[in-house]
Amino acid sequence: MSSRSGTSVSDEWIRVARKDWRRAERNLKDRDIEAAGFFLQQSLEKYLKAFLLKHDWNLRKIHELDALLDEASKYQQELERFRDLCERVSGYYLAERYPPLSALELSSADIRSGLKEAREFVKLMFPGERFPVQRT
């Protein structure tokens, strides 16, 4: 259990994943594309960790979405179809944290597309998860 009564560790990770998701959308709206990409990566990382923790995974300091997907796919093989998304979005994290890599030239269309695909990915892990309608 976490510090919040009746809340699992997995639920805590989902709570923070949602917060990062909102940050991604807010930064996209504000046209801060790199920050939007960074928070999209952060959100997916936390959703993956929540999924894994729900399956009694031992939490590790890891940020690579594809490595987390390797673990998650052991529990739900269908998640594998989102490998391209995980590899692409992992690059958004690096671009924001390591300025020489910021030459990715992300566009708002890239982030909108990533958010749309990420919604499907998250709903596969957590079918009850709700997202606000994305505005274009």
N, C-alpha and C. Protein backbone atom coordinates (compact mmCIF):
# COMPACT_ATOMS: atom_id res chain seq x y z
N MET A 1 0.82 -1.19 0.00
CA MET A 1 0.00 0.00 0.00
C MET A 1 0.87 1.25 0.00
N SER A 2 0.31 2.29 -0.51
CA SER A 2 1.03 3.56 -0.51
C SER A 2 0.60 4.38 0.69
N SER A 3 1.04 5.62 0.70
CA SER A 3 0.70 6.49 1.82
C SER A 3 -0.78 6.87 1.81
N ARG A 4 -1.43 6.79 0.67
CA ARG A 4 -2.86 7.10 0.60
C ARG A 4 -3.65 5.85 0.96
N SER A 5 -4.49 5.97 1.92
CA SER A 5 -5.27 4.83 2.41
C SER A 5 -6.09 4.21 1.29
N GLY A 6 -5.94 2.90 1.11
CA GLY A 6 -6.71 2.17 0.12
C GLY A 6 -6.23 2.31 -1.31
N THR A 7 -5.13 2.96 -1.53
CA THR A 7 -4.61 3.17 -2.87
C THR A 7 -3.38 2.30 -3.07
N SER A 8 -3.36 1.55 -4.17
CA SER A 8 -2.21 0.70 -4.44
C SER A 8 -1.06 1.52 -5.04
N VAL A 9 0.11 0.95 -5.02
CA VAL A 9 1.27 1.60 -5.63
C VAL A 9 1.01 1.82 -7.11
N SER A 10 0.41 0.84 -7.76
CA SER A 10 0.06 0.97 -9.18
C SER A 10 -0.86 2.16 -9.41
N ASP A 11 -1.85 2.34 -8.54
CA ASP A 11 -2.77 3.48 -8.66
C ASP A 11 -2.04 4.81 -8.52
N GLU A 12 -1.05 4.85 -7.64
CA GLU A 12 -0.26 6.08 -7.47
C GLU A 12 0.50 6.41 -8.76
N TRP A 13 1.05 5.39 -9.40
CA TRP A 13 1.76 5.62 -10.66
C TRP A 13 0.81 6.10 -11.75
N ILE A 14 -0.40 5.55 -11.77
CA ILE A 14 -1.40 6.01 -12.75
C ILE A 14 -1.76 7.47 -12.49
N ARG A 15 -1.91 7.83 -11.24
CA ARG A 15 -2.24 9.22 -10.89
C ARG A 15 -1.18 10.18 -11.46
N VAL A 16 0.08 9.83 -11.29
CA VAL A 16 1.16 10.69 -11.78
C VAL A 16 1.25 10.64 -13.32
N ALA A 17 0.95 9.47 -13.89
CA ALA A 17 0.93 9.35 -15.36
C ALA A 17 -0.11 10.29 -15.96
N ARG A 18 -1.26 10.36 -15.32
CA ARG A 18 -2.33 11.26 -15.79
C ARG A 18 -1.88 12.72 -15.71
N LYS A 19 -1.19 13.04 -14.65
CA LYS A 19 -0.69 14.41 -14.47
C LYS A 19 0.29 14.77 -15.60
N ASP A 20 1.18 13.84 -15.93
CA ASP A 20 2.12 14.08 -17.02
C ASP A 20 1.40 14.15 -18.37
N TRP A 21 0.34 13.34 -18.53
CA TRP A 21 -0.45 13.38 -19.76
C TRP A 21 -1.04 14.78 -19.95
N ARG A 22 -1.62 15.32 -18.86
CA ARG A 22 -2.19 16.68 -18.94
C ARG A 22 -1.10 17.70 -19.25
N ARG A 23 0.09 17.51 -18.69
CA ARG A 23 1.20 18.42 -18.98
C ARG A 23 1.57 18.34 -20.47
N ALA A 24 1.57 17.15 -21.03
CA ALA A 24 1.88 17.00 -22.45
C ALA A 24 0.86 17.77 -23.29
N GLU A 25 -0.42 17.60 -22.97
CA GLU A 25 -1.46 18.30 -23.73
C GLU A 25 -1.37 19.81 -23.54
N ARG A 26 -1.11 20.25 -22.32
CA ARG A 26 -1.00 21.69 -22.05
C ARG A 26 0.19 22.30 -22.81
N ASN A 27 1.32 21.59 -22.80
CA ASN A 27 2.49 22.10 -23.52
C ASN A 27 2.27 22.09 -25.03
N LEU A 28 1.55 21.12 -25.53
CA LEU A 28 1.21 21.10 -26.95
C LEU A 28 0.36 22.32 -27.28
N LYS A 29 -0.64 22.60 -26.46
CA LYS A 29 -1.50 23.77 -26.66
C LYS A 29 -0.68 25.06 -26.64
N ASP A 30 0.33 25.10 -25.75
CA ASP A 30 1.18 26.29 -25.64
C ASP A 30 2.29 26.32 -26.69
N ARG A 31 2.30 25.34 -27.57
CA ARG A 31 3.28 25.21 -28.67
C ARG A 31 4.71 24.99 -28.18
N ASP A 32 4.85 24.40 -27.00
CA ASP A 32 6.16 23.98 -26.52
C ASP A 32 6.27 22.49 -26.85
N ILE A 33 6.63 22.22 -28.08
CA ILE A 33 6.59 20.87 -28.64
C ILE A 33 7.55 19.93 -27.93
N GLU A 34 8.76 20.40 -27.63
CA GLU A 34 9.74 19.53 -26.95
C GLU A 34 9.24 19.13 -25.57
N ALA A 35 8.66 20.08 -24.83
CA ALA A 35 8.12 19.77 -23.51
C ALA A 35 6.93 18.82 -23.62
N ALA A 36 6.10 19.02 -24.63
CA ALA A 36 4.96 18.12 -24.83
C ALA A 36 5.46 16.69 -25.08
N GLY A 37 6.48 16.55 -25.91
CA GLY A 37 7.06 15.23 -26.18
C GLY A 37 7.67 14.62 -24.93
N PHE A 38 8.35 15.43 -24.16
CA PHE A 38 8.97 14.95 -22.92
C PHE A 38 7.91 14.40 -21.97
N PHE A 39 6.82 15.16 -21.77
CA PHE A 39 5.80 14.71 -20.84
C PHE A 39 4.98 13.54 -21.39
N LEU A 40 4.88 13.42 -22.71
CA LEU A 40 4.26 12.23 -23.28
C LEU A 40 5.09 11.01 -22.92
N GLN A 41 6.41 11.12 -23.06
CA GLN A 41 7.29 10.01 -22.70
C GLN A 41 7.16 9.69 -21.21
N GLN A 42 7.15 10.73 -20.38
CA GLN A 42 7.04 10.53 -18.94
C GLN A 42 5.72 9.83 -18.58
N SER A 43 4.66 10.23 -19.23
CA SER A 43 3.36 9.63 -18.96
C SER A 43 3.37 8.14 -19.34
N LEU A 44 3.86 7.82 -20.52
CA LEU A 44 3.87 6.42 -20.95
C LEU A 44 4.79 5.58 -20.06
N GLU A 45 5.90 6.15 -19.65
CA GLU A 45 6.80 5.44 -18.74
C GLU A 45 6.06 5.07 -17.46
N LYS A 46 5.30 6.01 -16.92
CA LYS A 46 4.59 5.76 -15.67
C LYS A 46 3.42 4.81 -15.85
N TYR A 47 2.72 4.91 -16.97
CA TYR A 47 1.65 3.95 -17.24
C TYR A 47 2.23 2.53 -17.36
N LEU A 48 3.35 2.40 -18.05
CA LEU A 48 3.98 1.08 -18.17
C LEU A 48 4.42 0.55 -16.81
N LYS A 49 5.00 1.40 -16.00
CA LYS A 49 5.42 0.97 -14.66
C LYS A 49 4.21 0.59 -13.81
N ALA A 50 3.12 1.33 -13.93
CA ALA A 50 1.90 0.99 -13.19
C ALA A 50 1.39 -0.39 -13.62
N PHE A 51 1.41 -0.63 -14.93
CA PHE A 51 0.97 -1.93 -15.44
C PHE A 51 1.85 -3.05 -14.89
N LEU A 52 3.14 -2.82 -14.92
CA LEU A 52 4.08 -3.83 -14.43
C LEU A 52 3.93 -4.05 -12.92
N LEU A 53 3.79 -2.97 -12.17
CA LEU A 53 3.62 -3.09 -10.72
C LEU A 53 2.34 -3.85 -10.38
N LYS A 54 1.33 -3.67 -11.20
CA LYS A 54 0.08 -4.41 -11.02
C LYS A 54 0.31 -5.92 -11.17
N HIS A 55 1.37 -6.27 -11.89
CA HIS A 55 1.73 -7.68 -12.11
C HIS A 55 2.90 -8.10 -11.22
N ASP A 56 3.08 -7.40 -10.10
CA ASP A 56 4.09 -7.73 -9.09
C ASP A 56 5.54 -7.60 -9.58
N TRP A 57 5.76 -6.71 -10.52
CA TRP A 57 7.11 -6.41 -11.02
C TRP A 57 7.86 -5.64 -9.94
N ASN A 58 9.14 -5.87 -9.84
CA ASN A 58 9.99 -5.13 -8.90
C ASN A 58 10.42 -3.83 -9.56
N LEU A 59 10.01 -2.72 -8.98
CA LEU A 59 10.30 -1.40 -9.53
C LEU A 59 11.80 -1.21 -9.70
N ARG A 60 12.17 -0.69 -10.88
CA ARG A 60 13.57 -0.39 -11.19
C ARG A 60 13.66 1.01 -11.78
N LYS A 61 14.83 1.63 -11.61
CA LYS A 61 15.09 2.92 -12.25
C LYS A 61 15.42 2.65 -13.71
N ILE A 62 14.44 2.85 -14.55
CA ILE A 62 14.60 2.62 -15.98
C ILE A 62 13.68 3.60 -16.69
N HIS A 63 14.17 4.17 -17.79
CA HIS A 63 13.39 5.17 -18.51
C HIS A 63 13.10 4.75 -19.95
N GLU A 64 13.73 3.71 -20.43
CA GLU A 64 13.56 3.29 -21.82
C GLU A 64 12.23 2.56 -21.99
N LEU A 65 11.36 3.16 -22.79
CA LEU A 65 10.04 2.59 -22.98
C LEU A 65 10.11 1.22 -23.63
N ASP A 66 11.04 1.03 -24.55
CA ASP A 66 11.12 -0.27 -25.22
C ASP A 66 11.53 -1.37 -24.24
N ALA A 67 12.38 -1.08 -23.28
CA ALA A 67 12.77 -2.06 -22.27
C ALA A 67 11.60 -2.36 -21.34
N LEU A 68 10.84 -1.33 -20.98
CA LEU A 68 9.64 -1.55 -20.17
C LEU A 68 8.60 -2.35 -20.94
N LEU A 69 8.50 -2.08 -22.24
CA LEU A 69 7.58 -2.83 -23.09
C LEU A 69 7.98 -4.30 -23.16
N ASP A 70 9.29 -4.57 -23.20
CA ASP A 70 9.75 -5.97 -23.18
C ASP A 70 9.16 -6.70 -21.99
N GLU A 71 9.19 -6.05 -20.83
CA GLU A 71 8.66 -6.66 -19.60
C GLU A 71 7.14 -6.77 -19.66
N ALA A 72 6.48 -5.70 -20.09
CA ALA A 72 5.01 -5.67 -20.12
C ALA A 72 4.45 -6.70 -21.10
N SER A 73 5.14 -6.92 -22.20
CA SER A 73 4.68 -7.87 -23.21
C SER A 73 4.67 -9.30 -22.69
N LYS A 74 5.43 -9.57 -21.65
CA LYS A 74 5.41 -10.90 -21.04
C LYS A 74 4.05 -11.18 -20.41
N TYR A 75 3.35 -10.13 -20.00
CA TYR A 75 2.04 -10.27 -19.36
C TYR A 75 0.89 -10.09 -20.34
N GLN A 76 1.14 -9.30 -21.39
CA GLN A 76 0.09 -9.04 -22.39
C GLN A 76 0.77 -8.85 -23.74
N GLN A 77 0.83 -9.91 -24.51
CA GLN A 77 1.57 -9.93 -25.78
C GLN A 77 1.07 -8.86 -26.77
N GLU A 78 -0.21 -8.53 -26.71
CA GLU A 78 -0.78 -7.54 -27.63
C GLU A 78 -0.09 -6.18 -27.55
N LEU A 79 0.51 -5.88 -26.41
CA LEU A 79 1.18 -4.59 -26.24
C LEU A 79 2.33 -4.42 -27.22
N GLU A 80 2.85 -5.52 -27.71
CA GLU A 80 3.99 -5.50 -28.62
C GLU A 80 3.71 -4.67 -29.87
N ARG A 81 2.47 -4.55 -30.25
CA ARG A 81 2.15 -3.79 -31.48
C ARG A 81 2.43 -2.29 -31.32
N PHE A 82 2.75 -1.86 -30.09
CA PHE A 82 3.06 -0.46 -29.85
C PHE A 82 4.57 -0.22 -29.69
N ARG A 83 5.37 -1.16 -30.17
CA ARG A 83 6.83 -1.03 -30.07
C ARG A 83 7.32 0.22 -30.80
N ASP A 84 6.83 0.47 -32.00
CA ASP A 84 7.27 1.66 -32.75
C ASP A 84 6.97 2.94 -31.97
N LEU A 85 5.78 3.00 -31.38
CA LEU A 85 5.42 4.16 -30.56
C LEU A 85 6.42 4.34 -29.42
N CYS A 86 6.70 3.26 -28.71
CA CYS A 86 7.62 3.34 -27.57
C CYS A 86 9.02 3.78 -27.99
N GLU A 87 9.50 3.27 -29.10
CA GLU A 87 10.83 3.67 -29.58
C GLU A 87 10.85 5.12 -30.00
N ARG A 88 9.80 5.55 -30.69
CA ARG A 88 9.72 6.94 -31.14
C ARG A 88 9.63 7.90 -29.95
N VAL A 89 8.75 7.62 -29.02
CA VAL A 89 8.52 8.51 -27.88
C VAL A 89 9.71 8.53 -26.94
N SER A 90 10.46 7.44 -26.85
CA SER A 90 11.69 7.44 -26.05
C SER A 90 12.65 8.51 -26.57
N GLY A 91 12.65 8.74 -27.86
CA GLY A 91 13.49 9.78 -28.45
C GLY A 91 13.09 11.17 -28.00
N TYR A 92 11.81 11.37 -27.69
CA TYR A 92 11.35 12.68 -27.22
C TYR A 92 11.97 13.02 -25.87
N TYR A 93 12.10 12.02 -25.03
CA TYR A 93 12.72 12.18 -23.72
C TYR A 93 14.17 12.63 -23.88
N LEU A 94 14.89 11.95 -24.75
CA LEU A 94 16.30 12.27 -24.96
C LEU A 94 16.48 13.65 -25.57
N ALA A 95 15.61 14.01 -26.49
CA ALA A 95 15.73 15.32 -27.16
C ALA A 95 15.60 16.46 -26.16
N GLU A 96 14.72 16.31 -25.19
CA GLU A 96 14.52 17.37 -24.20
C GLU A 96 15.65 17.41 -23.18
N ARG A 97 16.19 16.26 -22.83
CA ARG A 97 17.20 16.19 -21.78
C ARG A 97 18.63 16.40 -22.28
N TYR A 98 18.86 16.14 -23.56
CA TYR A 98 20.21 16.24 -24.12
C TYR A 98 20.17 17.15 -25.35
N PRO A 99 20.46 18.44 -25.15
CA PRO A 99 20.30 19.44 -26.21
C PRO A 99 20.90 19.07 -27.57
N PRO A 100 22.05 18.39 -27.65
CA PRO A 100 22.54 18.06 -28.99
C PRO A 100 21.59 17.16 -29.79
N LEU A 101 20.69 16.48 -29.10
CA LEU A 101 19.73 15.61 -29.78
C LEU A 101 18.43 16.32 -30.11
N SER A 102 18.33 17.59 -29.76
CA SER A 102 17.07 18.31 -29.97
C SER A 102 16.80 18.59 -31.44
N ALA A 103 17.69 18.17 -32.30
CA ALA A 103 17.51 18.37 -33.73
C ALA A 103 16.46 17.43 -34.32
N LEU A 104 15.69 16.76 -33.48
CA LEU A 104 14.63 15.88 -33.98
C LEU A 104 13.58 16.64 -34.77
N GLU A 105 13.47 17.93 -34.51
CA GLU A 105 12.49 18.78 -35.19
C GLU A 105 11.09 18.21 -35.09
N LEU A 106 10.63 18.04 -33.88
CA LEU A 106 9.28 17.56 -33.64
C LEU A 106 8.27 18.62 -34.07
N SER A 107 7.15 18.16 -34.55
CA SER A 107 6.07 19.08 -34.89
C SER A 107 4.88 18.80 -33.98
N SER A 108 3.97 19.74 -33.96
CA SER A 108 2.76 19.52 -33.17
C SER A 108 1.99 18.33 -33.73
N ALA A 109 2.06 18.11 -35.04
CA ALA A 109 1.40 16.95 -35.64
C ALA A 109 2.01 15.65 -35.12
N ASP A 110 3.33 15.63 -34.92
CA ASP A 110 3.99 14.44 -34.36
C ASP A 110 3.44 14.14 -32.97
N ILE A 111 3.30 15.17 -32.15
CA ILE A 111 2.84 14.99 -30.78
C ILE A 111 1.36 14.59 -30.77
N ARG A 112 0.55 15.25 -31.59
CA ARG A 112 -0.88 14.89 -31.66
C ARG A 112 -1.05 13.43 -32.07
N SER A 113 -0.28 13.02 -33.07
CA SER A 113 -0.33 11.63 -33.53
C SER A 113 0.14 10.68 -32.43
N GLY A 114 1.21 11.06 -31.72
CA GLY A 114 1.71 10.24 -30.63
C GLY A 114 0.69 10.10 -29.51
N LEU A 115 0.01 11.20 -29.18
CA LEU A 115 -1.02 11.15 -28.13
C LEU A 115 -2.18 10.24 -28.54
N LYS A 116 -2.56 10.31 -29.80
CA LYS A 116 -3.67 9.47 -30.28
C LYS A 116 -3.29 8.00 -30.18
N GLU A 117 -2.12 7.65 -30.65
CA GLU A 117 -1.67 6.26 -30.59
C GLU A 117 -1.44 5.82 -29.14
N ALA A 118 -0.91 6.72 -28.32
CA ALA A 118 -0.65 6.41 -26.91
C ALA A 118 -1.95 6.14 -26.16
N ARG A 119 -3.03 6.82 -26.54
CA ARG A 119 -4.34 6.56 -25.93
C ARG A 119 -4.73 5.09 -26.10
N GLU A 120 -4.57 4.59 -27.31
CA GLU A 120 -4.89 3.19 -27.59
C GLU A 120 -4.01 2.25 -26.77
N PHE A 121 -2.75 2.58 -26.67
CA PHE A 121 -1.78 1.79 -25.92
C PHE A 121 -2.18 1.72 -24.44
N VAL A 122 -2.47 2.87 -23.86
CA VAL A 122 -2.83 2.92 -22.44
C VAL A 122 -4.15 2.18 -22.21
N LYS A 123 -5.11 2.34 -23.11
CA LYS A 123 -6.40 1.67 -22.95
C LYS A 123 -6.26 0.15 -23.06
N LEU A 124 -5.26 -0.32 -23.76
CA LEU A 124 -5.01 -1.76 -23.81
C LEU A 124 -4.50 -2.25 -22.46
N MET A 125 -3.67 -1.45 -21.80
CA MET A 125 -3.17 -1.81 -20.48
C MET A 125 -4.24 -1.61 -19.41
N PHE A 126 -4.98 -0.51 -19.53
CA PHE A 126 -5.98 -0.12 -18.52
C PHE A 126 -7.28 0.23 -19.25
N PRO A 127 -8.09 -0.79 -19.57
CA PRO A 127 -9.30 -0.57 -20.37
C PRO A 127 -10.25 0.49 -19.82
N GLY A 128 -10.28 0.72 -18.54
CA GLY A 128 -11.18 1.71 -17.96
C GLY A 128 -10.65 3.13 -17.97
N GLU A 129 -9.43 3.32 -18.45
CA GLU A 129 -8.82 4.66 -18.41
C GLU A 129 -9.56 5.60 -19.36
N ARG A 130 -9.85 6.79 -18.88
CA ARG A 130 -10.57 7.81 -19.67
C ARG A 130 -9.62 8.96 -19.99
N PHE A 131 -9.76 9.47 -21.19
CA PHE A 131 -8.98 10.62 -21.62
C PHE A 131 -9.93 11.67 -22.14
N PRO A 132 -9.62 12.95 -21.91
CA PRO A 132 -10.46 13.99 -22.51
C PRO A 132 -10.30 13.95 -24.03
N VAL A 133 -11.31 14.43 -24.72
CA VAL A 133 -11.25 14.48 -26.18
C VAL A 133 -10.13 15.42 -26.58
N GLN A 134 -9.27 14.95 -27.48
CA GLN A 134 -8.13 15.75 -27.91
C GLN A 134 -8.61 16.77 -28.94
N ARG A 135 -8.25 18.01 -28.71
CA ARG A 135 -8.60 19.08 -29.65
C ARG A 135 -7.46 19.27 -30.62
N THR A 136 -7.79 19.44 -31.88
CA THR A 136 -6.76 19.63 -32.92
C THR A 136 -6.50 21.07 -33.21
